Amino acid sequence: MAGEWAWSIPVVVGAILWFWSIRLTLRAYPDERLSLWANPRKAPARAVAARASGTGLAMFGVGMTAGSIETEPWIAAGLAGSFFALTFLAPYAISVAVHNSRMA
């Protein structure tokens, strides 16, 4: 029972890297509005690397965690997708929206 939850470690590390990349990007553009669905014109290299590594680690960890829990495959896929949307997409959208509202 405890072994399958060890796959949560890459999820946590990936989430930390993801949030760090958001912070780096927002701090790189303190006086400019950012597009929600497009990359900034010149994103910091550390932010791009952190985002790529964080996404990869987190998706690997979520997939392995959901796959090791004894459920139907479609339930595991739904849980993994829901986790990704709530943990990664929602905070990113909220962070960019708050940043852009400060520019108005």
Protein backbone atom coordinates (compact mmCIF):
# COMPACT_ATOMS: atom_id res chain seq x y z
CA MET A 1 0.00 0.00 0.00
CA ALA A 2 2.77 2.48 0.82
CA GLY A 3 4.83 1.65 -2.29
CA GLU A 4 2.38 3.04 -4.82
CA TRP A 5 2.27 6.41 -3.06
CA ALA A 6 6.04 6.78 -3.48
CA TRP A 7 5.23 7.81 -7.07
CA SER A 8 3.79 10.99 -5.59
CA ILE A 9 7.31 12.31 -4.98
CA PRO A 10 7.89 13.19 -8.67
CA VAL A 11 4.46 14.85 -8.67
CA VAL A 12 5.42 17.12 -5.78
CA VAL A 13 8.82 17.94 -7.27
CA GLY A 14 7.21 18.62 -10.65
CA ALA A 15 4.60 20.89 -9.10
CA ILE A 16 7.30 22.86 -7.29
CA LEU A 17 9.22 23.32 -10.53
CA TRP A 18 6.04 24.34 -12.35
CA PHE A 19 5.12 26.99 -9.77
CA TRP A 20 8.70 28.26 -9.75
CA SER A 21 8.59 28.65 -13.54
CA ILE A 22 5.38 30.68 -13.27
CA ARG A 23 6.99 32.93 -10.70
CA LEU A 24 10.12 33.40 -12.83
CA THR A 25 8.04 34.31 -15.86
CA LEU A 26 5.85 36.79 -14.00
CA ARG A 27 8.87 38.44 -12.38
CA ALA A 28 10.58 38.75 -15.77
CA TYR A 29 7.67 40.87 -17.05
CA PRO A 30 6.69 43.13 -14.14
CA ASP A 31 5.31 45.92 -16.34
CA GLU A 32 3.86 43.97 -19.27
CA ARG A 33 0.67 42.07 -19.82
CA LEU A 34 1.08 38.36 -20.57
CA SER A 35 -1.07 36.28 -22.86
CA LEU A 36 -2.81 33.40 -21.19
CA TRP A 37 -2.50 30.97 -24.10
CA ALA A 38 0.77 32.07 -25.71
CA ASN A 39 4.36 32.13 -24.58
CA PRO A 40 5.97 35.45 -23.70
CA ARG A 41 8.07 36.93 -26.49
CA LYS A 42 11.30 36.02 -24.67
CA ALA A 43 10.73 33.70 -21.75
CA PRO A 44 13.59 33.25 -19.26
CA ALA A 45 15.55 30.09 -20.03
CA ARG A 46 15.30 28.92 -16.42
CA ALA A 47 11.52 29.25 -16.56
CA VAL A 48 11.29 27.20 -19.75
CA ALA A 49 13.55 24.48 -18.34
CA ALA A 50 11.68 24.40 -15.03
CA ARG A 51 8.31 24.22 -16.79
CA ALA A 52 9.41 21.40 -19.09
CA SER A 53 11.02 19.40 -16.29
CA GLY A 54 8.14 20.02 -13.90
CA THR A 55 5.51 18.98 -16.40
CA GLY A 56 7.39 15.82 -17.33
CA LEU A 57 8.05 14.78 -13.75
CA ALA A 58 4.52 15.52 -12.62
CA MET A 59 2.81 13.72 -15.50
CA PHE A 60 5.08 10.70 -15.04
CA GLY A 61 4.34 10.63 -11.32
CA VAL A 62 0.58 11.11 -11.77
CA GLY A 63 0.48 8.38 -14.38
CA MET A 64 2.43 5.94 -12.23
CA THR A 65 0.40 6.77 -9.10
CA ALA A 66 -2.93 6.42 -10.88
CA GLY A 67 -1.74 3.25 -12.60
CA SER A 68 -0.64 1.61 -9.37
CA ILE A 69 -3.94 2.23 -7.57
CA GLU A 70 -6.27 -0.70 -8.12
CA THR A 71 -9.05 0.94 -10.14
CA GLU A 72 -10.42 0.76 -13.63
CA PRO A 73 -8.12 2.37 -16.23
CA TRP A 74 -10.65 5.03 -17.20
CA ILE A 75 -11.03 6.07 -13.55
CA ALA A 76 -7.25 6.36 -13.20
CA ALA A 77 -7.06 8.44 -16.39
CA GLY A 78 -9.87 10.71 -15.17
CA LEU A 79 -8.16 11.19 -11.82
CA ALA A 80 -4.85 11.99 -13.51
CA GLY A 81 -6.44 14.51 -15.87
CA SER A 82 -8.42 16.16 -13.09
CA PHE A 83 -5.32 16.41 -10.92
CA PHE A 84 -3.36 18.00 -13.74
CA ALA A 85 -6.09 20.55 -14.47
CA LEU A 86 -6.53 21.54 -10.84
CA THR A 87 -2.86 21.61 -9.91
CA PHE A 88 -1.29 23.11 -13.02
CA LEU A 89 -3.73 24.86 -15.31
CA ALA A 90 -5.90 26.62 -12.73
CA PRO A 91 -3.01 28.23 -10.77
CA TYR A 92 -1.35 29.31 -14.01
CA ALA A 93 -4.52 30.94 -15.31
CA ILE A 94 -5.19 32.64 -11.98
CA SER A 95 -1.59 33.89 -11.69
CA VAL A 96 -1.58 35.39 -15.18
CA ALA A 97 -5.04 36.93 -14.68
CA VAL A 98 -3.97 38.56 -11.41
CA HIS A 99 -0.73 39.79 -13.00
CA ASN A 100 -2.62 41.27 -15.95
CA SER A 101 -5.22 42.91 -13.71
CA ARG A 102 -2.43 44.80 -11.96
CA MET A 103 -1.34 46.21 -15.32
CA ALA A 104 -4.69 47.88 -16.07
